[in-house]
Amino acid sequence: MLYQQERAIALKKVKRSLVLISLAILSILWRLPLLKAEDTKVYVTNSGTKYHRETCSFLSRSKIAVSLNDVLISGYEPCGVCKPPLPSQDKASARASVPQTSLYRINTTSLTKSSMGDISRMLPAEVVGHVDGDTVRVRISNPPAELKAIETIRMLGVDTPETVHPSKPVERFGKEASDFTKAALLGTQVYLAFDWDLRDHYGRLLAYLYTPESRCFNALLIEEGYAYAYVSYPFHFMEEFKGLEQAARQDKRGLWRNL
């Protein structure tokens, strides 16, 4: 009798273990499509609207690796030539899951200097591409609804000499400014803050870029003589940036040298 009771208890334990194992397996299987979407790498270009396989011929000029989940959120379409993998969930459900993060807008604060910006409230991003002295491409993990996973950033309040304008020649000190931005930012983490207007008429994201040391890179460009203060449109730090340009001009830094 005792033996039968012990055997019944042992069988119950085995059944319970089998149930737990089955539940664990089902949980893993249920998560596989999501994990696959997060881990699968596809590629986008600096200016395109489609995503591609790594070997696609359309990636000959630029190639930025992103996750399949990111292209789903950002609204990229699959390339019709290389036929990359398709996300496992529809776009509507993916966009519905995007967090409604409140963007840190400088114009809503009482800050008087760019050095007072609070990077703990800013949106982190990784610089994954470089265009010229005042324009870069960033990757934003889990972007809020207003933004995409890959964005072109036009830095607020600054204007570096042209290097890539389709109808203008390379301007004096343009290469130096472009090289400075590339060396300082490419591959690094930055923090994004915004102002009155979120985008310009080209659709580029307008932002202040801050380094992990809480330094406003926009201000640094003007201070070191790599950029002019761009005052054609209002922005929160206009007076500060105009003062930085005047100081750089007086000290003959950067583009003001030998003038």
Foldseek 3Di string as FASTA:
>chain_A
DVVVVVVVVVVVVVVVVVVVVVVVVVVCVVCVLVVQQQPDKWWDAPDDQAIHHPPDPVCPPHIDIHGNLQNLCQNRHYDPPRRDDHRPDHSVVSVVPQDQQDAAAPAVDPDADLLPDDLVNFFKWAFAAADFLQKTWTAGPSDHNVDGRIAIEGEPFWAFFDPDDPPDHGDPLRRVSRVVCCVVGHGAMWTWHHYDDQADPVRHGYTFTAHPVSDGVRLVCQLQARTAGDVPDDTNNSVVRNVSNVVCLVVCGRPNPPD
